[in-house]
Amino acid sequence: MDIISQLQEQANSIALIALNTFGTLQRDAPPVRLSPNYPEPPANPSEETINITEQPKTMSAALVQAAKKFDALIAALPLEGGEEAQLKRIAELQAENELVGLELQKQLEAAAEQELKLVQALFSQASDNCLNLKKPD
């Protein structure tokens, strides 16, 4: 897999981790009184089954790990030479692609010519065989 695809996958992974983290925190966080004018919020009935102090640490560690992997992928990108060198390399690759395309076209035409000759020979042989099978009356 090329590095750009890996970057895209890692960005998707970071987005998924962030989405899950925010959703979990929103779902599991204990209610908080926003103002003294508001009534006391009801207690969360499932607090004893959820370790609220460990979950954010685990999720933030996963998010940091994903971000570090993304940074490592960014650092692996070939950025030497600047934009001018990259444009020159693109031009070289396009010229190489053109040459390879022409060679492929020549090979394809040669193979098609051989196939056509073979089919014509087989057709000629089949028609000769058909003519030889018919006896004149």
N, C-alpha and C. Protein backbone atom coordinates (compact mmCIF):
# COMPACT_ATOMS: atom_id res chain seq x y z
N MET A 1 0.85 -1.17 0.00
CA MET A 1 0.00 0.00 0.00
C MET A 1 0.90 1.24 0.00
N ASP A 2 0.59 2.19 -0.84
CA ASP A 2 1.42 3.39 -0.92
C ASP A 2 1.19 4.29 0.30
N ILE A 3 2.07 5.25 0.46
CA ILE A 3 2.07 6.07 1.68
C ILE A 3 0.85 6.98 1.74
N ILE A 4 0.36 7.43 0.59
CA ILE A 4 -0.82 8.30 0.59
C ILE A 4 -2.05 7.52 1.08
N SER A 5 -2.18 6.29 0.62
CA SER A 5 -3.29 5.45 1.08
C SER A 5 -3.18 5.18 2.58
N GLN A 6 -1.95 4.98 3.05
CA GLN A 6 -1.75 4.76 4.49
C GLN A 6 -2.13 6.01 5.28
N LEU A 7 -1.79 7.19 4.74
CA LEU A 7 -2.17 8.44 5.40
C LEU A 7 -3.69 8.59 5.45
N GLN A 8 -4.35 8.26 4.36
CA GLN A 8 -5.81 8.34 4.34
C GLN A 8 -6.43 7.39 5.35
N GLU A 9 -5.91 6.17 5.41
CA GLU A 9 -6.41 5.20 6.39
C GLU A 9 -6.16 5.67 7.82
N GLN A 10 -5.00 6.24 8.06
CA GLN A 10 -4.67 6.70 9.40
C GLN A 10 -5.55 7.89 9.78
N ALA A 11 -5.82 8.79 8.84
CA ALA A 11 -6.73 9.92 9.12
C ALA A 11 -8.12 9.40 9.46
N ASN A 12 -8.57 8.39 8.73
CA ASN A 12 -9.87 7.78 9.04
C ASN A 12 -9.85 7.12 10.41
N SER A 13 -8.74 6.49 10.74
CA SER A 13 -8.60 5.84 12.04
C SER A 13 -8.65 6.88 13.16
N ILE A 14 -7.97 7.99 12.98
CA ILE A 14 -7.99 9.07 13.99
C ILE A 14 -9.40 9.60 14.15
N ALA A 15 -10.09 9.80 13.05
CA ALA A 15 -11.47 10.30 13.12
C ALA A 15 -12.37 9.31 13.85
N LEU A 16 -12.20 8.02 13.59
CA LEU A 16 -13.00 7.00 14.25
C LEU A 16 -12.72 6.95 15.74
N ILE A 17 -11.45 7.01 16.11
CA ILE A 17 -11.08 7.00 17.53
C ILE A 17 -11.66 8.23 18.23
N ALA A 18 -11.54 9.39 17.60
CA ALA A 18 -12.08 10.62 18.20
C ALA A 18 -13.60 10.52 18.36
N LEU A 19 -14.27 10.03 17.34
CA LEU A 19 -15.73 9.89 17.39
C LEU A 19 -16.13 8.95 18.53
N ASN A 20 -15.45 7.80 18.62
CA ASN A 20 -15.76 6.85 19.69
C ASN A 20 -15.45 7.43 21.07
N THR A 21 -14.36 8.18 21.16
CA THR A 21 -13.98 8.78 22.44
C THR A 21 -15.04 9.80 22.89
N PHE A 22 -15.42 10.69 21.99
CA PHE A 22 -16.40 11.70 22.35
C PHE A 22 -17.75 11.06 22.68
N GLY A 23 -18.15 10.07 21.90
CA GLY A 23 -19.42 9.39 22.16
C GLY A 23 -19.41 8.67 23.49
N THR A 24 -18.31 7.99 23.80
CA THR A 24 -18.21 7.27 25.07
C THR A 24 -18.21 8.24 26.24
N LEU A 25 -17.45 9.32 26.12
CA LEU A 25 -17.42 10.30 27.21
C LEU A 25 -18.79 10.94 27.41
N GLN A 26 -19.45 11.22 26.32
CA GLN A 26 -20.79 11.82 26.42
C GLN A 26 -21.76 10.84 27.07
N ARG A 27 -21.66 9.57 26.70
CA ARG A 27 -22.58 8.56 27.22
C ARG A 27 -22.30 8.24 28.68
N ASP A 28 -21.01 8.12 29.04
CA ASP A 28 -20.66 7.60 30.36
C ASP A 28 -20.30 8.65 31.40
N ALA A 29 -20.11 9.87 31.00
CA ALA A 29 -19.70 10.89 31.97
C ALA A 29 -20.83 11.12 32.98
N PRO A 30 -20.45 11.32 34.23
CA PRO A 30 -21.50 11.57 35.23
C PRO A 30 -22.11 12.96 35.00
N PRO A 31 -23.37 13.11 35.34
CA PRO A 31 -24.01 14.42 35.16
C PRO A 31 -23.38 15.47 36.07
N VAL A 32 -23.34 16.67 35.58
CA VAL A 32 -22.73 17.77 36.32
C VAL A 32 -23.75 18.90 36.43
N ARG A 33 -23.78 19.52 37.57
CA ARG A 33 -24.68 20.65 37.80
C ARG A 33 -24.07 21.88 37.14
N LEU A 34 -24.77 22.48 36.20
CA LEU A 34 -24.24 23.61 35.44
C LEU A 34 -24.36 24.92 36.20
N SER A 35 -25.34 25.02 37.04
CA SER A 35 -25.56 26.26 37.76
C SER A 35 -26.25 25.94 39.09
N PRO A 36 -26.01 26.78 40.09
CA PRO A 36 -26.71 26.52 41.36
C PRO A 36 -28.23 26.69 41.23
N ASN A 37 -28.66 27.35 40.16
CA ASN A 37 -30.10 27.55 39.97
C ASN A 37 -30.79 26.29 39.44
N TYR A 38 -30.02 25.37 38.90
CA TYR A 38 -30.60 24.14 38.36
C TYR A 38 -30.70 23.09 39.45
N PRO A 39 -31.64 22.19 39.31
CA PRO A 39 -31.73 21.12 40.32
C PRO A 39 -30.55 20.15 40.16
N GLU A 40 -30.30 19.40 41.18
CA GLU A 40 -29.22 18.41 41.17
C GLU A 40 -29.56 17.34 40.13
N PRO A 41 -28.61 17.01 39.20
CA PRO A 41 -28.91 15.99 38.19
C PRO A 41 -29.03 14.61 38.82
N PRO A 42 -29.81 13.73 38.18
CA PRO A 42 -29.95 12.38 38.73
C PRO A 42 -28.63 11.62 38.60
N ALA A 43 -28.40 10.70 39.50
CA ALA A 43 -27.18 9.90 39.47
C ALA A 43 -27.25 8.90 38.34
N ASN A 44 -26.09 8.60 37.77
CA ASN A 44 -26.01 7.62 36.68
C ASN A 44 -26.11 6.22 37.30
N PRO A 45 -27.12 5.41 36.92
CA PRO A 45 -27.32 4.12 37.58
C PRO A 45 -26.23 3.09 37.26
N SER A 46 -25.49 3.25 36.18
CA SER A 46 -24.53 2.23 35.80
C SER A 46 -23.09 2.61 36.16
N GLU A 47 -22.91 3.56 37.07
CA GLU A 47 -21.57 4.03 37.42
C GLU A 47 -20.69 2.93 37.98
N GLU A 48 -21.25 1.98 38.70
CA GLU A 48 -20.42 0.96 39.31
C GLU A 48 -19.84 0.00 38.27
N THR A 49 -20.46 -0.13 37.12
CA THR A 49 -19.95 -1.05 36.10
C THR A 49 -18.96 -0.39 35.16
N ILE A 50 -18.90 0.92 35.16
CA ILE A 50 -18.03 1.63 34.22
C ILE A 50 -16.90 2.31 34.99
N ASN A 51 -15.68 2.09 34.55
CA ASN A 51 -14.55 2.73 35.19
C ASN A 51 -14.31 4.06 34.49
N ILE A 52 -14.92 5.09 35.00
CA ILE A 52 -14.90 6.40 34.35
C ILE A 52 -13.52 7.03 34.38
N THR A 53 -12.71 6.72 35.35
CA THR A 53 -11.40 7.36 35.43
C THR A 53 -10.40 6.72 34.47
N GLU A 54 -10.54 5.45 34.15
CA GLU A 54 -9.59 4.76 33.27
C GLU A 54 -9.94 4.91 31.79
N GLN A 55 -11.23 5.00 31.47
CA GLN A 55 -11.64 5.08 30.06
C GLN A 55 -11.03 6.26 29.32
N PRO A 56 -11.10 7.47 29.84
CA PRO A 56 -10.49 8.60 29.11
C PRO A 56 -8.99 8.43 28.90
N LYS A 57 -8.31 7.86 29.87
CA LYS A 57 -6.87 7.65 29.73
C LYS A 57 -6.58 6.66 28.59
N THR A 58 -7.33 5.58 28.55
CA THR A 58 -7.14 4.58 27.51
C THR A 58 -7.46 5.16 26.14
N MET A 59 -8.56 5.87 26.05
CA MET A 59 -8.96 6.44 24.75
C MET A 59 -8.00 7.53 24.29
N SER A 60 -7.55 8.35 25.23
CA SER A 60 -6.61 9.41 24.83
C SER A 60 -5.27 8.81 24.42
N ALA A 61 -4.87 7.71 25.06
CA ALA A 61 -3.63 7.05 24.67
C ALA A 61 -3.75 6.49 23.25
N ALA A 62 -4.91 5.91 22.92
CA ALA A 62 -5.12 5.39 21.56
C ALA A 62 -5.11 6.53 20.54
N LEU A 63 -5.69 7.67 20.91
CA LEU A 63 -5.71 8.82 20.01
C LEU A 63 -4.31 9.38 19.80
N VAL A 64 -3.53 9.46 20.86
CA VAL A 64 -2.15 9.95 20.75
C VAL A 64 -1.32 8.99 19.91
N GLN A 65 -1.50 7.69 20.12
CA GLN A 65 -0.77 6.69 19.35
C GLN A 65 -1.09 6.81 17.87
N ALA A 66 -2.36 6.98 17.53
CA ALA A 66 -2.76 7.13 16.13
C ALA A 66 -2.17 8.41 15.53
N ALA A 67 -2.15 9.49 16.31
CA ALA A 67 -1.57 10.74 15.83
C ALA A 67 -0.06 10.61 15.60
N LYS A 68 0.61 9.87 16.48
CA LYS A 68 2.06 9.65 16.31
C LYS A 68 2.33 8.83 15.05
N LYS A 69 1.50 7.83 14.80
CA LYS A 69 1.67 7.03 13.59
C LYS A 69 1.45 7.90 12.35
N PHE A 70 0.46 8.80 12.41
CA PHE A 70 0.19 9.72 11.31
C PHE A 70 1.40 10.63 11.08
N ASP A 71 1.97 11.15 12.17
CA ASP A 71 3.15 12.01 12.07
C ASP A 71 4.34 11.25 11.46
N ALA A 72 4.48 9.97 11.83
CA ALA A 72 5.57 9.16 11.27
C ALA A 72 5.37 8.96 9.77
N LEU A 73 4.14 8.77 9.35
CA LEU A 73 3.86 8.63 7.92
C LEU A 73 4.15 9.93 7.18
N ILE A 74 3.79 11.05 7.78
CA ILE A 74 4.07 12.36 7.17
C ILE A 74 5.58 12.54 7.03
N ALA A 75 6.32 12.16 8.05
CA ALA A 75 7.78 12.31 8.01
C ALA A 75 8.40 11.43 6.94
N ALA A 76 7.72 10.33 6.59
CA ALA A 76 8.25 9.41 5.58
C ALA A 76 8.01 9.89 4.15
N LEU A 77 7.23 10.94 4.01
CA LEU A 77 6.96 11.45 2.65
C LEU A 77 8.24 12.02 2.04
N PRO A 78 8.47 11.75 0.76
CA PRO A 78 9.67 12.29 0.10
C PRO A 78 9.47 13.76 -0.26
N LEU A 79 10.05 14.65 0.53
CA LEU A 79 9.87 16.08 0.31
C LEU A 79 11.15 16.79 -0.10
N GLU A 80 12.20 16.03 -0.37
CA GLU A 80 13.48 16.65 -0.68
C GLU A 80 13.47 17.26 -2.07
N GLY A 81 14.15 18.37 -2.23
CA GLY A 81 14.29 19.00 -3.53
C GLY A 81 13.28 20.08 -3.81
N GLY A 82 12.24 20.16 -3.08
CA GLY A 82 11.25 21.19 -3.28
C GLY A 82 10.31 20.92 -4.45
N GLU A 83 9.50 21.90 -4.73
CA GLU A 83 8.46 21.75 -5.76
C GLU A 83 9.06 21.60 -7.16
N GLU A 84 10.11 22.33 -7.44
CA GLU A 84 10.73 22.26 -8.77
C GLU A 84 11.25 20.85 -9.07
N ALA A 85 11.88 20.23 -8.09
CA ALA A 85 12.39 18.86 -8.26
C ALA A 85 11.24 17.87 -8.42
N GLN A 86 10.16 18.11 -7.70
CA GLN A 86 9.01 17.23 -7.83
C GLN A 86 8.38 17.35 -9.21
N LEU A 87 8.28 18.57 -9.73
CA LEU A 87 7.73 18.78 -11.07
C LEU A 87 8.62 18.13 -12.13
N LYS A 88 9.93 18.24 -11.93
CA LYS A 88 10.88 17.60 -12.85
C LYS A 88 10.70 16.09 -12.82
N ARG A 89 10.56 15.54 -11.62
CA ARG A 89 10.37 14.08 -11.48
C ARG A 89 9.05 13.64 -12.12
N ILE A 90 8.02 14.43 -11.97
CA ILE A 90 6.73 14.12 -12.60
C ILE A 90 6.88 14.10 -14.11
N ALA A 91 7.60 15.08 -14.66
CA ALA A 91 7.82 15.13 -16.11
C ALA A 91 8.60 13.91 -16.58
N GLU A 92 9.63 13.51 -15.80
CA GLU A 92 10.40 12.31 -16.15
C GLU A 92 9.52 11.06 -16.13
N LEU A 93 8.70 10.95 -15.11
CA LEU A 93 7.82 9.79 -15.01
C LEU A 93 6.79 9.76 -16.13
N GLN A 94 6.29 10.94 -16.52
CA GLN A 94 5.34 10.99 -17.63
C GLN A 94 6.01 10.57 -18.94
N ALA A 95 7.25 11.03 -19.16
CA ALA A 95 7.98 10.64 -20.37
C ALA A 95 8.23 9.13 -20.37
N GLU A 96 8.63 8.59 -19.22
CA GLU A 96 8.85 7.15 -19.11
C GLU A 96 7.55 6.39 -19.36
N ASN A 97 6.47 6.91 -18.84
CA ASN A 97 5.16 6.29 -19.04
C ASN A 97 4.79 6.29 -20.53
N GLU A 98 5.09 7.37 -21.20
CA GLU A 98 4.81 7.48 -22.64
C GLU A 98 5.60 6.43 -23.42
N LEU A 99 6.89 6.28 -23.10
CA LEU A 99 7.73 5.28 -23.78
C LEU A 99 7.23 3.87 -23.52
N VAL A 100 6.91 3.58 -22.28
CA VAL A 100 6.41 2.25 -21.94
C VAL A 100 5.06 2.01 -22.63
N GLY A 101 4.24 3.03 -22.71
CA GLY A 101 2.95 2.91 -23.39
C GLY A 101 3.13 2.61 -24.87
N LEU A 102 4.09 3.29 -25.52
CA LEU A 102 4.35 3.03 -26.94
C LEU A 102 4.88 1.61 -27.15
N GLU A 103 5.77 1.17 -26.27
CA GLU A 103 6.30 -0.19 -26.37
C GLU A 103 5.19 -1.21 -26.18
N LEU A 104 4.33 -0.97 -25.23
CA LEU A 104 3.20 -1.86 -24.99
C LEU A 104 2.28 -1.89 -26.21
N GLN A 105 2.06 -0.74 -26.80
CA GLN A 105 1.21 -0.67 -28.00
C GLN A 105 1.82 -1.48 -29.15
N LYS A 106 3.15 -1.37 -29.33
CA LYS A 106 3.83 -2.14 -30.38
C LYS A 106 3.70 -3.63 -30.12
N GLN A 107 3.91 -4.04 -28.87
CA GLN A 107 3.78 -5.45 -28.53
C GLN A 107 2.36 -5.95 -28.74
N LEU A 108 1.40 -5.13 -28.39
CA LEU A 108 0.00 -5.49 -28.57
C LEU A 108 -0.34 -5.63 -30.05
N GLU A 109 0.16 -4.72 -30.86
CA GLU A 109 -0.09 -4.79 -32.30
C GLU A 109 0.57 -6.03 -32.92
N ALA A 110 1.80 -6.35 -32.47
CA ALA A 110 2.50 -7.54 -32.98
C ALA A 110 1.74 -8.80 -32.58
N ALA A 111 1.28 -8.87 -31.36
CA ALA A 111 0.53 -10.03 -30.89
C ALA A 111 -0.80 -10.14 -31.64
N ALA A 112 -1.44 -9.01 -31.88
CA ALA A 112 -2.70 -9.02 -32.62
C ALA A 112 -2.47 -9.47 -34.05
N GLU A 113 -1.37 -9.04 -34.66
CA GLU A 113 -1.05 -9.44 -36.03
C GLU A 113 -0.81 -10.95 -36.09
N GLN A 114 -0.06 -11.48 -35.14
CA GLN A 114 0.17 -12.93 -35.08
C GLN A 114 -1.14 -13.68 -34.90
N GLU A 115 -1.97 -13.19 -34.04
CA GLU A 115 -3.27 -13.84 -33.79
C GLU A 115 -4.13 -13.81 -35.05
N LEU A 116 -4.11 -12.68 -35.75
CA LEU A 116 -4.88 -12.56 -36.99
C LEU A 116 -4.38 -13.55 -38.03
N LYS A 117 -3.07 -13.66 -38.18
CA LYS A 117 -2.52 -14.62 -39.15
C LYS A 117 -2.90 -16.05 -38.79
N LEU A 118 -2.84 -16.37 -37.50
CA LEU A 118 -3.20 -17.71 -37.06
C LEU A 118 -4.67 -17.99 -37.35
N VAL A 119 -5.54 -17.05 -37.06
CA VAL A 119 -6.97 -17.23 -37.31
C VAL A 119 -7.23 -17.35 -38.81
N GLN A 120 -6.55 -16.54 -39.62
CA GLN A 120 -6.74 -16.63 -41.07
C GLN A 120 -6.27 -18.00 -41.59
N ALA A 121 -5.14 -18.49 -41.07
CA ALA A 121 -4.65 -19.80 -41.49
C ALA A 121 -5.62 -20.90 -41.09
N LEU A 122 -6.14 -20.82 -39.87
CA LEU A 122 -7.10 -21.82 -39.42
C LEU A 122 -8.39 -21.74 -40.22
N PHE A 123 -8.83 -20.53 -40.54
CA PHE A 123 -10.03 -20.37 -41.35
C PHE A 123 -9.82 -20.94 -42.75
N SER A 124 -8.65 -20.66 -43.31
CA SER A 124 -8.33 -21.18 -44.65
C SER A 124 -8.30 -22.71 -44.63
N GLN A 125 -7.68 -23.25 -43.61
CA GLN A 125 -7.61 -24.71 -43.49
C GLN A 125 -9.00 -25.31 -43.31
N ALA A 126 -9.83 -24.68 -42.48
CA ALA A 126 -11.18 -25.18 -42.26
C ALA A 126 -12.00 -25.10 -43.54
N SER A 127 -11.87 -24.01 -44.28
CA SER A 127 -12.64 -23.90 -45.53
C SER A 127 -12.14 -24.89 -46.58
N ASP A 128 -10.81 -25.13 -46.62
CA ASP A 128 -10.28 -26.15 -47.54
C ASP A 128 -10.81 -27.53 -47.17
N ASN A 129 -10.84 -27.80 -45.87
CA ASN A 129 -11.37 -29.10 -45.43
C ASN A 129 -12.84 -29.24 -45.79
N CYS A 130 -13.60 -28.19 -45.67
CA CYS A 130 -15.02 -28.24 -46.02
C CYS A 130 -15.19 -28.46 -47.52
N LEU A 131 -14.39 -27.82 -48.33
CA LEU A 131 -14.48 -27.97 -49.78
C LEU A 131 -14.06 -29.37 -50.20
N ASN A 132 -13.08 -29.95 -49.54
CA ASN A 132 -12.61 -31.29 -49.87
C ASN A 132 -13.60 -32.35 -49.45
N LEU A 133 -14.45 -32.07 -48.47
CA LEU A 133 -15.43 -33.04 -48.02
C LEU A 133 -16.59 -33.17 -49.00
N LYS A 134 -16.92 -32.06 -49.65
CA LYS A 134 -18.03 -32.09 -50.62
C LYS A 134 -17.56 -32.73 -51.92
N LYS A 135 -18.26 -33.75 -52.36
CA LYS A 135 -17.91 -34.37 -53.63
C LYS A 135 -18.86 -33.83 -54.70
N PRO A 136 -18.31 -33.51 -55.84
CA PRO A 136 -19.18 -33.01 -56.91
C PRO A 136 -20.11 -34.11 -57.39
N ASP A 137 -21.35 -33.82 -57.72
CA ASP A 137 -22.34 -34.80 -58.17
C ASP A 137 -22.32 -34.99 -59.64
